[in-house]
Amino acid sequence: MSQPQLTFFCELEHEPLSKLFDGRFVIDDLKAIHASLSLGILDFSKTRADLVKRLNKAGVPVIAWLLLPEEDGYWFNLDNHEKAAARYVDFKAWTTAHGLEWAGVGLDIEMDINEIRTILSGEPDRGLPARFWRKFRDKKRVALARGSYQALVELIHADGYPVESYHIPLITDERRARATVLQRTLGLVDLEVEREVLMLYSSFLRPRGDAVLWSYAPEADSVGVGVTGGGVEMPGEIDTAPLTWDEFSRDLRLCVMQNKPVHIFSLEGCVEQDFLAKLNTFKWDQPVPIPGKTGQVRWLRTGLAGLLWTLERPWVILLALASLIGLGFLFNRADRGRKAEKKTGDGRPETES
């Protein structure tokens, strides 16, 4: 088994970004393993543009990972599609002004970062359930946002860039259910792009992260592996220690067994833990056991798909309830009839002797 195609995510502000790429060590390591970089476009600064030029000159492919200001949701979602389109226009102007080259554009589709922080903070927000209920009921938003984002994808294509999307894996379960429940409530958007990356970060899913990765990997165009460190700060997170080398190498080999490219989150975490240098001599063909408990994950996914299918079609619940009520009425009526028959000798008519 040979090394898969590797892409590293990098999500840093301009000052730590400059520090990370100070000197040529990181760029040389990326070149040595023929890796690409998905660079978070947090700003349109000269610092970020200069780094892209260095990577362009060194021959390291760079994907523009588009992001919004945090007050606008940070990641793209169902409700900020207009801001996402405007962000791309600004990105193109910045690209032209600095003469930057890109191997593609990445669209990160996730829940609004501000809503996530509110939920994880544990602070009471009485209006949050009502907002989610309104979102759940509003199906029109899905078609509007999907059309807007698909138009953005076509515009990016017209500019000569392939597009990849970054999704939480539950989007595949929603497709199986032919539902839009998660899209309406969490703000996800199901897009048609060249490459869909499922973020199967086992560090968030211990102790069954490897089983979850193994279950979803066949449905991914590329597998998101992590977290090795870095990323945005979230309050109240549980068990988010970065992957150890043993966990990281296990996940990489599982991806190889599935014959999948790999997106690694994050470059800064790999550099900090000295993982990047180790990948130069990594033995990709070393066997690793198939994760246990994969059956449990499969049953959970089946149950989730069934739930989403039902929630998408609430009339099924109403029909089931009506059927139960009707059956209850019939059984009750039959029971009353049997009791009446017993009063006349188990239902047999009396005869003269």
Protein backbone atom coordinates (compact mmCIF):
# COMPACT_ATOMS: atom_id res chain seq x y z
CA MET A 1 0.00 0.00 0.00
CA SER A 2 1.38 3.39 -1.01
CA GLN A 3 0.98 6.80 0.55
CA PRO A 4 -2.42 8.36 -0.14
CA GLN A 5 -2.88 11.90 -1.34
CA LEU A 6 -2.40 14.13 1.71
CA THR A 7 -3.85 17.58 2.36
CA PHE A 8 -3.23 19.53 5.56
CA PHE A 9 -5.63 22.07 7.01
CA CYS A 10 -4.09 25.25 8.41
CA GLU A 11 -6.31 27.68 10.33
CA LEU A 12 -4.15 30.41 11.85
CA GLU A 13 -4.24 34.18 12.23
CA HIS A 14 -1.52 36.01 10.33
CA GLU A 15 1.00 36.31 13.19
CA PRO A 16 1.09 32.62 14.24
CA LEU A 17 0.88 31.75 10.54
CA SER A 18 4.09 33.67 9.88
CA LYS A 19 5.74 31.97 12.86
CA LEU A 20 4.71 28.50 11.66
CA PHE A 21 6.30 29.04 8.24
CA ASP A 22 9.35 30.89 9.52
CA GLY A 23 12.18 29.35 7.51
CA ARG A 24 11.76 26.55 4.99
CA PHE A 25 11.40 23.48 7.23
CA VAL A 26 7.61 23.17 7.02
CA ILE A 27 7.49 23.87 3.30
CA ASP A 28 10.30 21.38 2.67
CA ASP A 29 8.45 18.70 4.66
CA LEU A 30 5.24 19.33 2.70
CA LYS A 31 7.17 18.98 -0.55
CA ALA A 32 8.90 15.81 0.61
CA ILE A 33 5.59 14.00 1.15
CA HIS A 34 3.93 15.64 -1.90
CA ALA A 35 1.22 17.17 0.29
CA SER A 36 -1.24 19.97 -0.42
CA LEU A 37 -2.32 22.71 1.97
CA SER A 38 -5.90 23.84 2.59
CA LEU A 39 -5.24 27.32 3.94
CA GLY A 40 -7.95 29.03 5.96
CA ILE A 41 -8.63 32.46 4.46
CA LEU A 42 -9.27 34.28 7.73
CA ASP A 43 -8.25 37.62 6.25
CA PHE A 44 -7.02 39.23 3.05
CA SER A 45 -3.70 40.40 4.49
CA LYS A 46 -0.38 40.82 2.75
CA THR A 47 1.10 38.30 5.19
CA ARG A 48 -1.26 35.57 4.00
CA ALA A 49 -0.73 36.53 0.36
CA ASP A 50 3.06 36.42 0.75
CA LEU A 51 2.85 32.92 2.21
CA VAL A 52 0.71 31.72 -0.69
CA LYS A 53 3.32 33.12 -3.09
CA ARG A 54 6.08 31.21 -1.24
CA LEU A 55 4.08 28.01 -1.47
CA ASN A 56 3.31 28.66 -5.15
CA LYS A 57 7.02 29.15 -5.85
CA ALA A 58 7.93 25.98 -3.94
CA GLY A 59 5.38 23.94 -5.90
CA VAL A 60 3.12 23.13 -2.91
CA PRO A 61 -0.54 23.08 -4.09
CA VAL A 62 -2.70 25.46 -2.03
CA ILE A 63 -6.47 25.23 -1.65
CA ALA A 64 -8.30 28.37 -0.56
CA TRP A 65 -10.40 27.34 2.44
CA LEU A 66 -12.97 30.13 2.53
CA LEU A 67 -14.13 31.36 5.93
CA LEU A 68 -16.25 34.26 7.20
CA PRO A 69 -15.76 36.62 10.15
CA GLU A 70 -17.01 34.95 13.34
CA GLU A 71 -19.88 37.42 13.69
CA ASP A 72 -21.21 36.08 10.36
CA GLY A 73 -21.04 32.44 11.47
CA TYR A 74 -17.41 31.69 10.50
CA TRP A 75 -18.30 28.55 8.55
CA PHE A 76 -20.73 28.56 5.64
CA ASN A 77 -24.27 27.44 6.44
CA LEU A 78 -27.87 27.58 5.33
CA ASP A 79 -28.45 31.12 6.56
CA ASN A 80 -25.32 33.00 5.45
CA HIS A 81 -25.22 32.06 1.77
CA GLU A 82 -25.36 35.71 0.69
CA LYS A 83 -22.33 36.54 2.84
CA ALA A 84 -20.56 33.48 1.47
CA ALA A 85 -21.06 34.69 -2.10
CA ALA A 86 -19.81 38.17 -1.16
CA ARG A 87 -16.78 36.61 0.53
CA TYR A 88 -15.83 34.87 -2.68
CA VAL A 89 -16.04 38.14 -4.61
CA ASP A 90 -13.64 39.74 -2.10
CA PHE A 91 -11.39 36.68 -2.31
CA LYS A 92 -11.16 36.97 -6.09
CA ALA A 93 -10.23 40.66 -5.85
CA TRP A 94 -7.50 39.84 -3.30
CA THR A 95 -6.24 36.96 -5.45
CA THR A 96 -6.00 39.19 -8.52
CA ALA A 97 -4.33 42.03 -6.62
CA HIS A 98 -1.54 39.74 -5.39
CA GLY A 99 -1.30 37.36 -8.35
CA LEU A 100 -2.02 34.23 -6.29
CA GLU A 101 -2.42 30.69 -7.63
CA TRP A 102 -4.83 28.14 -6.18
CA ALA A 103 -5.25 24.42 -6.67
CA GLY A 104 -8.90 24.69 -5.67
CA VAL A 105 -11.44 26.27 -3.33
CA GLY A 106 -12.78 24.69 -0.15
CA LEU A 107 -16.27 25.37 1.25
CA ASP A 108 -16.63 24.50 4.93
CA ILE A 109 -20.28 23.69 5.67
CA GLU A 110 -21.00 23.65 9.39
CA MET A 111 -23.34 25.01 12.03
CA ASP A 112 -23.05 28.70 12.96
CA ILE A 113 -20.07 28.99 15.33
CA ASN A 114 -21.96 31.39 17.59
CA GLU A 115 -24.81 28.92 18.10
CA ILE A 116 -22.32 26.14 18.88
CA ARG A 117 -20.59 28.31 21.46
CA THR A 118 -23.91 29.19 23.06
CA ILE A 119 -24.83 25.51 23.39
CA LEU A 120 -21.42 24.42 24.70
CA SER A 121 -21.15 27.29 27.17
CA GLY A 122 -24.00 25.91 29.26
CA GLU A 123 -25.41 29.41 29.71
CA PRO A 124 -29.22 29.45 29.55
CA ASP A 125 -30.73 30.80 26.35
CA ARG A 126 -34.50 30.53 26.52
CA GLY A 127 -34.91 31.64 22.94
CA LEU A 128 -32.69 28.90 21.49
CA PRO A 129 -35.32 26.10 21.39
CA ALA A 130 -37.81 28.41 19.68
CA ARG A 131 -35.21 29.38 17.06
CA PHE A 132 -34.44 25.75 16.31
CA TRP A 133 -38.15 24.97 16.05
CA ARG A 134 -38.65 27.78 13.54
CA LYS A 135 -35.70 26.49 11.51
CA PHE A 136 -37.04 22.95 11.59
CA ARG A 137 -40.40 24.09 10.21
CA ASP A 138 -38.96 26.27 7.43
CA LYS A 139 -38.29 23.94 4.50
CA LYS A 140 -38.09 26.75 1.96
CA ARG A 141 -34.71 27.84 3.32
CA VAL A 142 -33.13 24.59 2.14
CA ALA A 143 -33.93 25.03 -1.55
CA LEU A 144 -33.01 28.73 -1.48
CA ALA A 145 -29.62 28.20 0.16
CA ARG A 146 -28.78 25.13 -1.90
CA GLY A 147 -29.52 27.02 -5.09
CA SER A 148 -27.38 29.95 -3.95
CA TYR A 149 -24.43 27.75 -3.00
CA GLN A 150 -24.69 25.69 -6.18
CA ALA A 151 -24.57 28.94 -8.16
CA LEU A 152 -21.45 29.86 -6.18
CA VAL A 153 -19.89 26.50 -7.07
CA GLU A 154 -20.62 27.12 -10.74
CA LEU A 155 -19.03 30.58 -10.49
CA ILE A 156 -15.91 29.09 -8.90
CA HIS A 157 -15.78 26.51 -11.69
CA ALA A 158 -16.09 29.27 -14.28
CA ASP A 159 -13.03 30.88 -12.68
CA GLY A 160 -11.11 27.66 -13.26
CA TYR A 161 -11.04 26.18 -9.76
CA PRO A 162 -12.22 22.75 -8.61
CA VAL A 163 -14.31 22.79 -5.43
CA GLU A 164 -14.19 20.60 -2.34
CA SER A 165 -16.59 20.71 0.60
CA TYR A 166 -15.96 19.94 4.25
CA HIS A 167 -18.88 18.25 6.01
CA ILE A 168 -19.77 16.59 9.28
CA PRO A 169 -20.43 12.92 8.45
CA LEU A 170 -24.10 13.01 9.46
CA ILE A 171 -24.88 14.56 6.08
CA THR A 172 -24.52 11.07 4.54
CA ASP A 173 -27.12 9.63 6.93
CA GLU A 174 -29.49 12.42 5.97
CA ARG A 175 -29.03 11.51 2.30
CA ARG A 176 -29.85 7.89 3.06
CA ALA A 177 -33.05 9.06 4.75
CA ARG A 178 -33.85 11.45 1.88
CA ALA A 179 -34.43 14.11 4.49
CA THR A 180 -33.49 17.74 5.19
CA VAL A 181 -33.93 17.69 8.98
CA LEU A 182 -30.27 18.30 9.83
CA GLN A 183 -29.96 20.87 7.09
CA ARG A 184 -32.89 22.84 8.47
CA THR A 185 -31.91 22.63 12.13
CA LEU A 186 -28.09 22.68 11.96
CA GLY A 187 -27.70 24.78 8.82
CA LEU A 188 -25.97 22.13 6.71
CA VAL A 189 -26.08 22.36 2.91
CA ASP A 190 -25.88 19.31 0.67
CA LEU A 191 -23.75 20.34 -2.32
CA GLU A 192 -22.53 18.72 -5.52
CA VAL A 193 -18.77 19.29 -5.73
CA GLU A 194 -15.73 17.44 -7.06
CA ARG A 195 -14.57 16.21 -3.67
CA GLU A 196 -16.47 15.89 -0.40
CA VAL A 197 -14.35 15.61 2.73
CA LEU A 198 -16.05 14.03 5.75
CA MET A 199 -14.58 15.34 8.99
CA LEU A 200 -14.11 12.06 10.86
CA TYR A 201 -12.11 13.45 13.74
CA SER A 202 -11.64 10.52 16.10
CA SER A 203 -10.28 12.75 18.89
CA PHE A 204 -13.85 14.01 19.42
CA LEU A 205 -15.33 10.51 19.37
CA ARG A 206 -13.20 8.55 21.83
CA PRO A 207 -13.29 5.68 22.61
CA ARG A 208 -15.10 4.70 19.38
CA GLY A 209 -13.55 7.24 17.03
CA ASP A 210 -11.77 4.63 14.96
CA ALA A 211 -15.00 2.63 14.52
CA VAL A 212 -16.88 5.75 13.40
CA LEU A 213 -14.09 6.58 10.93
CA TRP A 214 -14.17 3.03 9.54
CA SER A 215 -17.96 3.16 9.13
CA TYR A 216 -18.15 6.49 7.30
CA ALA A 217 -14.90 6.37 5.29
CA PRO A 218 -16.35 4.38 2.35
CA GLU A 219 -18.83 7.23 1.72
CA ALA A 220 -16.17 9.97 1.70
CA ASP A 221 -14.23 11.24 -1.29
CA SER A 222 -11.51 12.10 1.23
CA VAL A 223 -11.32 11.34 4.95
CA GLY A 224 -10.77 14.14 7.44
CA VAL A 225 -8.38 12.86 10.15
CA GLY A 226 -7.70 14.65 13.42
CA VAL A 227 -7.55 16.58 15.56
CA THR A 228 -3.79 16.79 16.08
CA GLY A 229 -4.07 20.23 17.70
CA GLY A 230 -5.14 23.75 16.78
CA GLY A 231 -8.51 24.96 15.58
CA VAL A 232 -10.95 27.50 16.97
CA GLU A 233 -11.52 27.58 20.71
CA MET A 234 -14.81 26.21 22.01
CA PRO A 235 -16.07 26.38 25.61
CA GLY A 236 -17.18 23.26 27.42
CA GLU A 237 -15.66 20.73 25.03
CA ILE A 238 -15.36 17.17 26.35
CA ASP A 239 -12.35 14.94 25.74
CA THR A 240 -10.70 17.02 23.05
CA ALA A 241 -7.09 16.14 23.76
CA PRO A 242 -5.15 16.01 20.46
CA LEU A 243 -4.49 12.67 18.84
CA THR A 244 -1.43 10.82 20.03
CA TRP A 245 1.02 9.49 17.46
CA ASP A 246 -0.38 5.96 17.91
CA GLU A 247 -3.96 7.20 17.32
CA PHE A 248 -2.90 9.36 14.39
CA SER A 249 -0.93 6.59 12.66
CA ARG A 250 -3.82 4.15 13.26
CA ASP A 251 -6.30 6.51 11.57
CA LEU A 252 -3.97 7.10 8.62
CA ARG A 253 -3.58 3.37 8.02
CA LEU A 254 -7.33 2.82 8.26
CA CYS A 255 -7.73 5.39 5.47
CA VAL A 256 -5.16 3.55 3.37
CA MET A 257 -7.08 0.30 3.89
CA GLN A 258 -10.16 2.08 2.54
CA ASN A 259 -8.10 3.42 -0.40
CA LYS A 260 -9.01 7.02 0.46
CA PRO A 261 -7.17 10.36 0.24
CA VAL A 262 -6.65 12.06 3.59
CA HIS A 263 -7.23 15.60 4.87
CA ILE A 264 -5.37 16.16 8.14
CA PHE A 265 -6.45 18.67 10.75
CA SER A 266 -4.22 20.39 11.40
CA LEU A 267 -0.81 21.31 10.00
CA GLU A 268 0.03 23.42 13.05
CA GLY A 269 -0.85 20.52 15.36
CA CYS A 270 1.33 18.13 13.36
CA VAL A 271 4.26 20.53 13.48
CA GLU A 272 3.86 21.08 17.22
CA GLN A 273 3.82 17.32 17.91
CA ASP A 274 6.56 16.58 15.35
CA PHE A 275 4.16 14.43 13.29
CA LEU A 276 4.97 16.15 10.00
CA ALA A 277 8.62 15.15 10.06
CA LYS A 278 7.73 11.56 11.01
CA LEU A 279 5.55 11.21 7.92
CA ASN A 280 8.68 11.33 5.75
CA THR A 281 9.57 7.81 6.91
CA PHE A 282 6.07 6.55 7.76
CA LYS A 283 5.35 2.90 6.89
CA TRP A 284 1.99 3.11 5.19
CA ASP A 285 1.73 -0.63 4.51
CA GLN A 286 1.98 -1.68 8.15
CA PRO A 287 -1.20 -3.60 9.06
CA VAL A 288 -3.67 -2.29 11.63
CA PRO A 289 -6.63 -4.19 13.07
CA ILE A 290 -10.13 -3.33 11.93
CA PRO A 291 -11.83 -1.40 14.76
CA GLY A 292 -14.16 -3.19 17.12
CA LYS A 293 -17.76 -2.15 17.81
CA THR A 294 -18.34 -1.31 14.14
CA GLY A 295 -21.64 -3.20 14.37
CA GLN A 296 -22.84 -0.83 17.08
CA VAL A 297 -21.96 2.16 14.93
CA ARG A 298 -23.82 0.62 11.99
CA TRP A 299 -26.95 0.06 14.09
CA LEU A 300 -26.77 3.60 15.48
CA ARG A 301 -26.49 5.00 11.96
CA THR A 302 -29.44 2.90 10.81
CA GLY A 303 -31.49 4.16 13.75
CA LEU A 304 -30.52 7.76 13.01
CA ALA A 305 -31.46 7.41 9.34
CA GLY A 306 -34.81 5.93 10.38
CA LEU A 307 -35.44 8.79 12.78
CA LEU A 308 -34.55 11.40 10.15
CA TRP A 309 -36.79 9.67 7.61
CA THR A 310 -39.69 9.78 10.06
CA LEU A 311 -39.12 13.40 11.11
CA GLU A 312 -39.06 14.40 7.46
CA ARG A 313 -42.48 12.78 7.03
CA PRO A 314 -44.46 13.61 10.18
CA TRP A 315 -47.65 12.40 8.50
CA VAL A 316 -46.29 8.88 9.02
CA ILE A 317 -46.39 9.48 12.78
CA LEU A 318 -49.93 10.81 12.56
CA LEU A 319 -51.00 7.86 10.42
CA ALA A 320 -49.43 5.43 12.87
CA LEU A 321 -51.18 7.10 15.80
CA ALA A 322 -54.49 7.07 13.96
CA SER A 323 -53.99 3.38 13.17
CA LEU A 324 -53.23 2.59 16.81
CA ILE A 325 -56.31 4.48 17.95
CA GLY A 326 -58.43 2.68 15.34
CA LEU A 327 -57.08 -0.72 16.35
CA GLY A 328 -57.68 0.10 19.98
CA PHE A 329 -61.30 1.00 19.19
CA LEU A 330 -61.81 -2.26 17.25
CA PHE A 331 -60.26 -4.40 19.99
CA ASN A 332 -62.34 -2.66 22.62
CA ARG A 333 -65.50 -3.21 20.56
CA ALA A 334 -64.65 -6.88 20.05
CA ASP A 335 -64.00 -7.27 23.78
CA ARG A 336 -67.39 -5.82 24.60
CA GLY A 337 -68.99 -8.25 22.13
CA ARG A 338 -67.32 -11.25 23.77
CA LYS A 339 -68.49 -10.15 27.19
CA ALA A 340 -72.07 -9.86 25.90
CA GLU A 341 -71.91 -13.35 24.42
CA LYS A 342 -70.75 -14.87 27.72
CA LYS A 343 -73.91 -13.59 29.41
CA THR A 344 -75.97 -15.90 27.11
CA GLY A 345 -73.94 -19.05 27.65
CA ASP A 346 -70.66 -18.36 25.87
CA GLY A 347 -72.52 -17.00 22.89
CA ARG A 348 -74.60 -20.17 22.11
CA PRO A 349 -78.37 -19.56 21.72
CA GLU A 350 -80.56 -21.37 24.27
CA THR A 351 -82.79 -24.31 22.88
CA GLU A 352 -85.96 -25.99 24.25
CA SER A 353 -85.56 -29.51 25.73
